[in-house]
Amino acid sequence: MKQAIEKGTPVNPPIWWIDPLDPEAHKINDEYLLGENILVAPVTIEAAESRNIYLPKGKWYDVNRVKTHEGPIWLTDYLAPLNVLPYFLRVK
């Protein structure tokens, strides 16, 4: 929030904010960042229990699976029933 106030950056930037030159990240419209260190990938299709998730460059800690991924990477068919919100913490 501090950066949003001081620099005018968005509070919920798109994932390409991490790497503006990543063409794959520019295609994603159903994932978002909270600040620059939390990536959220909600299931947006009714009754779906999984989804594909794109993680941009960097290390991302998968809070639900308790594991770290090195991006850029696609996580295909990520299980996410109604009670699971896929989100990842950026590891610096």
PDB file of N, CA and C in Angstrom:
ATOM      1  N   MET A   1       0.830  -1.178   0.000  1.00  0.00           N
ATOM      2  CA  MET A   1       0.000   0.000   0.000  1.00  0.00           C
ATOM      3  C   MET A   1       0.882   1.252   0.000  1.00  0.00           C
ATOM      4  N   LYS A   2       2.005   1.155   0.700  1.00  0.00           N
ATOM      5  CA  LYS A   2       2.910   2.301   0.778  1.00  0.00           C
ATOM      6  C   LYS A   2       3.386   2.716  -0.616  1.00  0.00           C
ATOM      7  N   GLN A   3       3.768   1.711  -1.441  1.00  0.00           N
ATOM      8  CA  GLN A   3       4.225   2.026  -2.804  1.00  0.00           C
ATOM      9  C   GLN A   3       3.103   2.628  -3.639  1.00  0.00           C
ATOM     10  N   ALA A   4       1.886   2.142  -3.429  1.00  0.00           N
ATOM     11  CA  ALA A   4       0.747   2.684  -4.175  1.00  0.00           C
ATOM     12  C   ALA A   4       0.554   4.160  -3.854  1.00  0.00           C
ATOM     13  N   ILE A   5       0.724   4.507  -2.594  1.00  0.00           N
ATOM     14  CA  ILE A   5       0.552   5.898  -2.181  1.00  0.00           C
ATOM     15  C   ILE A   5       1.719   6.764  -2.651  1.00  0.00           C
ATOM     16  N   GLU A   6       2.940   6.271  -2.431  1.00  0.00           N
ATOM     17  CA  GLU A   6       4.124   7.074  -2.739  1.00  0.00           C
ATOM     18  C   GLU A   6       4.471   7.131  -4.225  1.00  0.00           C
ATOM     19  N   LYS A   7       4.293   6.000  -4.942  1.00  0.00           N
ATOM     20  CA  LYS A   7       4.736   5.929  -6.333  1.00  0.00           C
ATOM     21  C   LYS A   7       3.598   5.821  -7.342  1.00  0.00           C
ATOM     22  N   GLY A   8       2.388   5.636  -6.847  1.00  0.00           N
ATOM     23  CA  GLY A   8       1.262   5.503  -7.759  1.00  0.00           C
ATOM     24  C   GLY A   8       1.146   4.138  -8.408  1.00  0.00           C
ATOM     25  N   THR A   9       1.866   3.143  -7.883  1.00  0.00           N
ATOM     26  CA  THR A   9       1.765   1.795  -8.438  1.00  0.00           C
ATOM     27  C   THR A   9       0.431   1.177  -8.032  1.00  0.00           C
ATOM     28  N   PRO A  10      -0.099   0.273  -8.852  1.00  0.00           N
ATOM     29  CA  PRO A  10      -1.383  -0.328  -8.500  1.00  0.00           C
ATOM     30  C   PRO A  10      -1.284  -1.212  -7.255  1.00  0.00           C
ATOM     31  N   VAL A  11      -2.365  -1.273  -6.505  1.00  0.00           N
ATOM     32  CA  VAL A  11      -2.413  -2.138  -5.319  1.00  0.00           C
ATOM     33  C   VAL A  11      -2.463  -3.597  -5.757  1.00  0.00           C
ATOM     34  N   ASN A  12      -3.195  -3.884  -6.824  1.00  0.00           N
ATOM     35  CA  ASN A  12      -3.315  -5.236  -7.375  1.00  0.00           C
ATOM     36  C   ASN A  12      -2.802  -5.254  -8.812  1.00  0.00           C
ATOM     37  N   PRO A  13      -1.478  -5.216  -8.992  1.00  0.00           N
ATOM     38  CA  PRO A  13      -0.957  -5.183 -10.358  1.00  0.00           C
ATOM     39  C   PRO A  13      -1.161  -6.516 -11.075  1.00  0.00           C
ATOM     40  N   PRO A  14      -1.164  -6.484 -12.410  1.00  0.00           N
ATOM     41  CA  PRO A  14      -1.214  -7.727 -13.174  1.00  0.00           C
ATOM     42  C   PRO A  14       0.103  -8.477 -12.997  1.00  0.00           C
ATOM     43  N   ILE A  15       0.104  -9.773 -13.311  1.00  0.00           N
ATOM     44  CA  ILE A  15       1.331 -10.543 -13.065  1.00  0.00           C
ATOM     45  C   ILE A  15       2.481 -10.127 -13.971  1.00  0.00           C
ATOM     46  N   TRP A  16       2.196  -9.502 -15.117  1.00  0.00           N
ATOM     47  CA  TRP A  16       3.310  -9.050 -15.959  1.00  0.00           C
ATOM     48  C   TRP A  16       4.092  -7.911 -15.306  1.00  0.00           C
ATOM     49  N   TRP A  17       3.575  -7.371 -14.225  1.00  0.00           N
ATOM     50  CA  TRP A  17       4.272  -6.312 -13.483  1.00  0.00           C
ATOM     51  C   TRP A  17       5.648  -6.804 -13.022  1.00  0.00           C
ATOM     52  N   ILE A  18       5.746  -8.103 -12.719  1.00  0.00           N
ATOM     53  CA  ILE A  18       7.011  -8.708 -12.274  1.00  0.00           C
ATOM     54  C   ILE A  18       8.047  -8.685 -13.397  1.00  0.00           C
ATOM     55  N   ASP A  19       7.608  -8.993 -14.618  1.00  0.00           N
ATOM     56  CA  ASP A  19       8.505  -9.040 -15.775  1.00  0.00           C
ATOM     57  C   ASP A  19       7.753  -8.519 -17.004  1.00  0.00           C
ATOM     58  N   PRO A  20       7.815  -7.215 -17.250  1.00  0.00           N
ATOM     59  CA  PRO A  20       7.056  -6.622 -18.357  1.00  0.00           C
ATOM     60  C   PRO A  20       7.395  -7.185 -19.738  1.00  0.00           C
ATOM     61  N   LEU A  21       8.535  -7.863 -19.879  1.00  0.00           N
ATOM     62  CA  LEU A  21       8.927  -8.419 -21.172  1.00  0.00           C
ATOM     63  C   LEU A  21       8.472  -9.862 -21.365  1.00  0.00           C
ATOM     64  N   ASP A  22       7.771 -10.433 -20.402  1.00  0.00           N
ATOM     65  CA  ASP A  22       7.301 -11.818 -20.482  1.00  0.00           C
ATOM     66  C   ASP A  22       5.985 -11.861 -21.270  1.00  0.00           C
ATOM     67  N   PRO A  23       6.024 -12.337 -22.527  1.00  0.00           N
ATOM     68  CA  PRO A  23       4.799 -12.338 -23.335  1.00  0.00           C
ATOM     69  C   PRO A  23       3.714 -13.255 -22.769  1.00  0.00           C
ATOM     70  N   GLU A  24       4.105 -14.327 -22.121  1.00  0.00           N
ATOM     71  CA  GLU A  24       3.128 -15.259 -21.540  1.00  0.00           C
ATOM     72  C   GLU A  24       2.348 -14.581 -20.416  1.00  0.00           C
ATOM     73  N   ALA A  25       3.042 -13.814 -19.608  1.00  0.00           N
ATOM     74  CA  ALA A  25       2.392 -13.120 -18.486  1.00  0.00           C
ATOM     75  C   ALA A  25       1.354 -12.112 -18.978  1.00  0.00           C
ATOM     76  N   HIS A  26       1.585 -11.532 -20.154  1.00  0.00           N
ATOM     77  CA  HIS A  26       0.631 -10.557 -20.706  1.00  0.00           C
ATOM     78  C   HIS A  26      -0.688 -11.208 -21.129  1.00  0.00           C
ATOM     79  N   LYS A  27      -0.679 -12.521 -21.321  1.00  0.00           N
ATOM     80  CA  LYS A  27      -1.889 -13.238 -21.730  1.00  0.00           C
ATOM     81  C   LYS A  27      -2.798 -13.578 -20.548  1.00  0.00           C
ATOM     82  N   ILE A  28      -2.281 -13.492 -19.332  1.00  0.00           N
ATOM     83  CA  ILE A  28      -3.019 -13.925 -18.140  1.00  0.00           C
ATOM     84  C   ILE A  28      -3.930 -12.801 -17.651  1.00  0.00           C
ATOM     85  N   ASN A  29      -5.215 -13.096 -17.545  1.00  0.00           N
ATOM     86  CA  ASN A  29      -6.150 -12.078 -17.052  1.00  0.00           C
ATOM     87  C   ASN A  29      -6.973 -12.551 -15.848  1.00  0.00           C
ATOM     88  N   ASP A  30      -6.639 -13.731 -15.322  1.00  0.00           N
ATOM     89  CA  ASP A  30      -7.396 -14.244 -14.180  1.00  0.00           C
ATOM     90  C   ASP A  30      -6.506 -14.572 -12.977  1.00  0.00           C
ATOM     91  N   GLU A  31      -5.330 -13.988 -12.960  1.00  0.00           N
ATOM     92  CA  GLU A  31      -4.425 -14.055 -11.809  1.00  0.00           C
ATOM     93  C   GLU A  31      -4.034 -12.614 -11.499  1.00  0.00           C
ATOM     94  N   TYR A  32      -3.647 -12.365 -10.276  1.00  0.00           N
ATOM     95  CA  TYR A  32      -3.234 -11.004  -9.932  1.00  0.00           C
ATOM     96  C   TYR A  32      -2.261 -11.032  -8.761  1.00  0.00           C
ATOM     97  N   LEU A  33      -1.623  -9.918  -8.558  1.00  0.00           N
ATOM     98  CA  LEU A  33      -0.695  -9.756  -7.444  1.00  0.00           C
ATOM     99  C   LEU A  33      -1.347  -8.913  -6.360  1.00  0.00           C
ATOM    100  N   LEU A  34      -0.990  -9.199  -5.142  1.00  0.00           N
ATOM    101  CA  LEU A  34      -1.302  -8.324  -4.008  1.00  0.00           C
ATOM    102  C   LEU A  34       0.031  -7.700  -3.645  1.00  0.00           C
ATOM    103  N   GLY A  35       0.206  -6.438  -3.958  1.00  0.00           N
ATOM    104  CA  GLY A  35       1.537  -5.848  -3.854  1.00  0.00           C
ATOM    105  C   GLY A  35       2.391  -6.469  -4.944  1.00  0.00           C
ATOM    106  N   GLU A  36       3.634  -6.778  -4.624  1.00  0.00           N
ATOM    107  CA  GLU A  36       4.508  -7.434  -5.597  1.00  0.00           C
ATOM    108  C   GLU A  36       4.992  -8.788  -5.111  1.00  0.00           C
ATOM    109  N   ASN A  37       4.496  -9.247  -3.966  1.00  0.00           N
ATOM    110  CA  ASN A  37       5.026 -10.476  -3.390  1.00  0.00           C
ATOM    111  C   ASN A  37       4.013 -11.583  -3.155  1.00  0.00           C
ATOM    112  N   ILE A  38       2.753 -11.350  -3.471  1.00  0.00           N
ATOM    113  CA  ILE A  38       1.739 -12.393  -3.327  1.00  0.00           C
ATOM    114  C   ILE A  38       1.007 -12.513  -4.655  1.00  0.00           C
ATOM    115  N   LEU A  39       1.015 -13.716  -5.217  1.00  0.00           N
ATOM    116  CA  LEU A  39       0.298 -13.986  -6.455  1.00  0.00           C
ATOM    117  C   LEU A  39      -0.920 -14.836  -6.114  1.00  0.00           C
ATOM    118  N   VAL A  40      -2.081 -14.415  -6.588  1.00  0.00           N
ATOM    119  CA  VAL A  40      -3.335 -15.112  -6.322  1.00  0.00           C
ATOM    120  C   VAL A  40      -3.904 -15.596  -7.649  1.00  0.00           C
ATOM    121  N   ALA A  41      -4.329 -16.868  -7.666  1.00  0.00           N
ATOM    122  CA  ALA A  41      -4.876 -17.463  -8.887  1.00  0.00           C
ATOM    123  C   ALA A  41      -6.199 -18.161  -8.572  1.00  0.00           C
ATOM    124  N   PRO A  42      -7.264 -17.398  -8.375  1.00  0.00           N
ATOM    125  CA  PRO A  42      -8.541 -18.010  -8.003  1.00  0.00           C
ATOM    126  C   PRO A  42      -9.148 -18.827  -9.150  1.00  0.00           C
ATOM    127  N   VAL A  43      -9.945 -19.806  -8.788  1.00  0.00           N
ATOM    128  CA  VAL A  43     -10.716 -20.545  -9.786  1.00  0.00           C
ATOM    129  C   VAL A  43     -11.883 -19.647 -10.181  1.00  0.00           C
ATOM    130  N   THR A  44     -12.003 -19.364 -11.458  1.00  0.00           N
ATOM    131  CA  THR A  44     -13.025 -18.419 -11.919  1.00  0.00           C
ATOM    132  C   THR A  44     -14.101 -19.066 -12.783  1.00  0.00           C
ATOM    133  N   ILE A  45     -14.000 -20.370 -12.974  1.00  0.00           N
ATOM    134  CA  ILE A  45     -14.989 -21.086 -13.775  1.00  0.00           C
ATOM    135  C   ILE A  45     -15.914 -21.854 -12.832  1.00  0.00           C
ATOM    136  N   GLU A  46     -17.191 -21.636 -12.978  1.00  0.00           N
ATOM    137  CA  GLU A  46     -18.174 -22.263 -12.098  1.00  0.00           C
ATOM    138  C   GLU A  46     -18.032 -23.787 -12.094  1.00  0.00           C
ATOM    139  N   ALA A  47     -18.015 -24.364 -10.892  1.00  0.00           N
ATOM    140  CA  ALA A  47     -17.947 -25.809 -10.637  1.00  0.00           C
ATOM    141  C   ALA A  47     -16.581 -26.427 -10.947  1.00  0.00           C
ATOM    142  N   ALA A  48     -15.622 -25.638 -11.406  1.00  0.00           N
ATOM    143  CA  ALA A  48     -14.281 -26.178 -11.660  1.00  0.00           C
ATOM    144  C   ALA A  48     -13.581 -26.456 -10.335  1.00  0.00           C
ATOM    145  N   GLU A  49     -12.780 -27.503 -10.312  1.00  0.00           N
ATOM    146  CA  GLU A  49     -12.028 -27.848  -9.107  1.00  0.00           C
ATOM    147  C   GLU A  49     -10.528 -27.850  -9.348  1.00  0.00           C
ATOM    148  N   SER A  50     -10.122 -27.375 -10.512  1.00  0.00           N
ATOM    149  CA  SER A  50      -8.698 -27.240 -10.816  1.00  0.00           C
ATOM    150  C   SER A  50      -8.545 -26.144 -11.863  1.00  0.00           C
ATOM    151  N   ARG A  51      -7.303 -25.736 -12.059  1.00  0.00           N
ATOM    152  CA  ARG A  51      -7.000 -24.719 -13.063  1.00  0.00           C
ATOM    153  C   ARG A  51      -5.526 -24.764 -13.401  1.00  0.00           C
ATOM    154  N   ASN A  52      -5.143 -24.138 -14.497  1.00  0.00           N
ATOM    155  CA  ASN A  52      -3.742 -23.957 -14.845  1.00  0.00           C
ATOM    156  C   ASN A  52      -3.301 -22.616 -14.280  1.00  0.00           C
ATOM    157  N   ILE A  53      -2.090 -22.601 -13.735  1.00  0.00           N
ATOM    158  CA  ILE A  53      -1.567 -21.392 -13.097  1.00  0.00           C
ATOM    159  C   ILE A  53      -0.205 -21.069 -13.701  1.00  0.00           C
ATOM    160  N   TYR A  54      -0.020 -19.818 -14.071  1.00  0.00           N
ATOM    161  CA  TYR A  54       1.269 -19.363 -14.581  1.00  0.00           C
ATOM    162  C   TYR A  54       1.977 -18.560 -13.503  1.00  0.00           C
ATOM    163  N   LEU A  55       3.217 -18.953 -13.223  1.00  0.00           N
ATOM    164  CA  LEU A  55       4.055 -18.202 -12.286  1.00  0.00           C
ATOM    165  C   LEU A  55       5.155 -17.505 -13.080  1.00  0.00           C
ATOM    166  N   PRO A  56       5.263 -16.183 -12.976  1.00  0.00           N
ATOM    167  CA  PRO A  56       6.325 -15.466 -13.689  1.00  0.00           C
ATOM    168  C   PRO A  56       7.698 -15.763 -13.083  1.00  0.00           C
ATOM    169  N   LYS A  57       8.716 -15.163 -13.665  1.00  0.00           N
ATOM    170  CA  LYS A  57      10.084 -15.450 -13.220  1.00  0.00           C
ATOM    171  C   LYS A  57      10.242 -15.197 -11.726  1.00  0.00           C
ATOM    172  N   GLY A  58      11.166 -15.952 -11.146  1.00  0.00           N
ATOM    173  CA  GLY A  58      11.425 -15.838  -9.719  1.00  0.00           C
ATOM    174  C   GLY A  58      11.040 -17.108  -8.986  1.00  0.00           C
ATOM    175  N   LYS A  59      11.267 -17.102  -7.695  1.00  0.00           N
ATOM    176  CA  LYS A  59      10.895 -18.234  -6.843  1.00  0.00           C
ATOM    177  C   LYS A  59       9.576 -17.914  -6.161  1.00  0.00           C
ATOM    178  N   TRP A  60       8.670 -18.893  -6.171  1.00  0.00           N
ATOM    179  CA  TRP A  60       7.334 -18.729  -5.607  1.00  0.00           C
ATOM    180  C   TRP A  60       7.043 -19.874  -4.644  1.00  0.00           C
ATOM    181  N   TYR A  61       6.676 -19.523  -3.433  1.00  0.00           N
ATOM    182  CA  TYR A  61       6.337 -20.522  -2.418  1.00  0.00           C
ATOM    183  C   TYR A  61       4.842 -20.799  -2.486  1.00  0.00           C
ATOM    184  N   ASP A  62       4.508 -22.033  -2.751  1.00  0.00           N
ATOM    185  CA  ASP A  62       3.123 -22.484  -2.846  1.00  0.00           C
ATOM    186  C   ASP A  62       2.617 -22.776  -1.438  1.00  0.00           C
ATOM    187  N   VAL A  63       1.803 -21.908  -0.915  1.00  0.00           N
ATOM    188  CA  VAL A  63       1.334 -22.009   0.470  1.00  0.00           C
ATOM    189  C   VAL A  63       0.479 -23.255   0.670  1.00  0.00           C
ATOM    190  N   ASN A  64      -0.326 -23.629  -0.311  1.00  0.00           N
ATOM    191  CA  ASN A  64      -1.200 -24.797  -0.174  1.00  0.00           C
ATOM    192  C   ASN A  64      -0.450 -26.117  -0.258  1.00  0.00           C
ATOM    193  N   ARG A  65       0.560 -26.176  -1.099  1.00  0.00           N
ATOM    194  CA  ARG A  65       1.297 -27.433  -1.309  1.00  0.00           C
ATOM    195  C   ARG A  65       2.606 -27.492  -0.515  1.00  0.00           C
ATOM    196  N   VAL A  66       2.944 -26.404   0.146  1.00  0.00           N
ATOM    197  CA  VAL A  66       4.170 -26.295   0.956  1.00  0.00           C
ATOM    198  C   VAL A  66       5.383 -26.699   0.109  1.00  0.00           C
ATOM    199  N   LYS A  67       5.556 -25.974  -1.003  1.00  0.00           N
ATOM    200  CA  LYS A  67       6.677 -26.261  -1.901  1.00  0.00           C
ATOM    201  C   LYS A  67       7.024 -25.006  -2.684  1.00  0.00           C
ATOM    202  N   THR A  68       8.257 -24.941  -3.158  1.00  0.00           N
ATOM    203  CA  THR A  68       8.729 -23.777  -3.909  1.00  0.00           C
ATOM    204  C   THR A  68       8.848 -24.126  -5.390  1.00  0.00           C
ATOM    205  N   HIS A  69       8.428 -23.192  -6.244  1.00  0.00           N
ATOM    206  CA  HIS A  69       8.521 -23.346  -7.697  1.00  0.00           C
ATOM    207  C   HIS A  69       9.426 -22.248  -8.243  1.00  0.00           C
ATOM    208  N   GLU A  70      10.176 -22.583  -9.272  1.00  0.00           N
ATOM    209  CA  GLU A  70      11.026 -21.610  -9.962  1.00  0.00           C
ATOM    210  C   GLU A  70      10.344 -21.225 -11.267  1.00  0.00           C
ATOM    211  N   GLY A  71       9.995 -19.953 -11.395  1.00  0.00           N
ATOM    212  CA  GLY A  71       9.314 -19.490 -12.600  1.00  0.00           C
ATOM    213  C   GLY A  71      10.291 -18.924 -13.605  1.00  0.00           C
ATOM    214  N   PRO A  72       9.901 -18.747 -14.822  1.00  0.00           N
ATOM    215  CA  PRO A  72       8.536 -18.915 -15.278  1.00  0.00           C
ATOM    216  C   PRO A  72       8.179 -20.391 -15.451  1.00  0.00           C
ATOM    217  N   ILE A  73       6.953 -20.725 -15.048  1.00  0.00           N
ATOM    218  CA  ILE A  73       6.485 -22.106 -15.126  1.00  0.00           C
ATOM    219  C   ILE A  73       4.957 -22.128 -15.126  1.00  0.00           C
ATOM    220  N   TRP A  74       4.415 -23.096 -15.845  1.00  0.00           N
ATOM    221  CA  TRP A  74       2.980 -23.376 -15.789  1.00  0.00           C
ATOM    222  C   TRP A  74       2.750 -24.530 -14.823  1.00  0.00           C
ATOM    223  N   LEU A  75       1.835 -24.373 -13.909  1.00  0.00           N
ATOM    224  CA  LEU A  75       1.380 -25.464 -13.049  1.00  0.00           C
ATOM    225  C   LEU A  75       0.050 -25.918 -13.646  1.00  0.00           C
ATOM    226  N   THR A  76       0.048 -27.079 -14.274  1.00  0.00           N
ATOM    227  CA  THR A  76      -1.154 -27.530 -14.970  1.00  0.00           C
ATOM    228  C   THR A  76      -2.042 -28.370 -14.067  1.00  0.00           C
ATOM    229  N   ASP A  77      -3.322 -28.205 -14.247  1.00  0.00           N
ATOM    230  CA  ASP A  77      -4.346 -28.948 -13.515  1.00  0.00           C
ATOM    231  C   ASP A  77      -4.130 -28.881 -11.998  1.00  0.00           C
ATOM    232  N   TYR A  78      -3.869 -27.687 -11.511  1.00  0.00           N
ATOM    233  CA  TYR A  78      -3.653 -27.447 -10.078  1.00  0.00           C
ATOM    234  C   TYR A  78      -4.984 -27.632  -9.354  1.00  0.00           C
ATOM    235  N   LEU A  79      -5.043 -28.600  -8.451  1.00  0.00           N
ATOM    236  CA  LEU A  79      -6.280 -28.882  -7.727  1.00  0.00           C
ATOM    237  C   LEU A  79      -6.642 -27.726  -6.807  1.00  0.00           C
ATOM    238  N   ALA A  80      -7.854 -27.230  -6.981  1.00  0.00           N
ATOM    239  CA  ALA A  80      -8.314 -26.090  -6.187  1.00  0.00           C
ATOM    240  C   ALA A  80      -9.831 -26.153  -6.031  1.00  0.00           C
ATOM    241  N   PRO A  81     -10.302 -27.071  -5.194  1.00  0.00           N
ATOM    242  CA  PRO A  81     -11.744 -27.095  -4.938  1.00  0.00           C
ATOM    243  C   PRO A  81     -12.175 -25.802  -4.253  1.00  0.00           C
ATOM    244  N   LEU A  82     -13.454 -25.677  -4.020  1.00  0.00           N
ATOM    245  CA  LEU A  82     -14.023 -24.438  -3.498  1.00  0.00           C
ATOM    246  C   LEU A  82     -13.344 -23.937  -2.225  1.00  0.00           C
ATOM    247  N   ASN A  83     -12.857 -24.834  -1.393  1.00  0.00           N
ATOM    248  CA  ASN A  83     -12.253 -24.420  -0.120  1.00  0.00           C
ATOM    249  C   ASN A  83     -10.755 -24.125  -0.220  1.00  0.00           C
ATOM    250  N   VAL A  84     -10.195 -24.100  -1.426  1.00  0.00           N
ATOM    251  CA  VAL A  84      -8.759 -23.830  -1.616  1.00  0.00           C
ATOM    252  C   VAL A  84      -8.580 -22.618  -2.532  1.00  0.00           C
ATOM    253  N   LEU A  85      -7.862 -21.619  -2.047  1.00  0.00           N
ATOM    254  CA  LEU A  85      -7.503 -20.465  -2.874  1.00  0.00           C
ATOM    255  C   LEU A  85      -6.021 -20.593  -3.222  1.00  0.00           C
ATOM    256  N   PRO A  86      -5.688 -20.858  -4.484  1.00  0.00           N
ATOM    257  CA  PRO A  86      -4.281 -20.948  -4.858  1.00  0.00           C
ATOM    258  C   PRO A  86      -3.597 -19.586  -4.719  1.00  0.00           C
ATOM    259  N   TYR A  87      -2.583 -19.544  -3.870  1.00  0.00           N
ATOM    260  CA  TYR A  87      -1.786 -18.320  -3.768  1.00  0.00           C
ATOM    261  C   TYR A  87      -0.349 -18.670  -3.442  1.00  0.00           C
ATOM    262  N   PHE A  88       0.545 -17.779  -3.839  1.00  0.00           N
ATOM    263  CA  PHE A  88       1.980 -18.029  -3.804  1.00  0.00           C
ATOM    264  C   PHE A  88       2.692 -16.798  -3.269  1.00  0.00           C
ATOM    265  N   LEU A  89       3.698 -17.029  -2.460  1.00  0.00           N
ATOM    266  CA  LEU A  89       4.499 -15.944  -1.899  1.00  0.00           C
ATOM    267  C   LEU A  89       5.812 -15.860  -2.666  1.00  0.00           C
ATOM    268  N   ARG A  90       6.176 -14.675  -3.067  1.00  0.00           N
ATOM    269  CA  ARG A  90       7.441 -14.475  -3.776  1.00  0.00           C
ATOM    270  C   ARG A  90       8.588 -14.605  -2.788  1.00  0.00           C
ATOM    271  N   VAL A  91       9.556 -15.459  -3.137  1.00  0.00           N
ATOM    272  CA  VAL A  91      10.729 -15.691  -2.292  1.00  0.00           C
ATOM    273  C   VAL A  91      11.865 -14.840  -2.830  1.00  0.00           C
ATOM    274  N   LYS A  92      12.438 -14.014  -1.970  1.00  0.00           N
ATOM    275  CA  LYS A  92      13.544 -13.152  -2.418  1.00  0.00           C
ATOM    276  C   LYS A  92      14.863 -13.686  -1.948  1.00  0.00           C
TER     277      LYS A  92
END
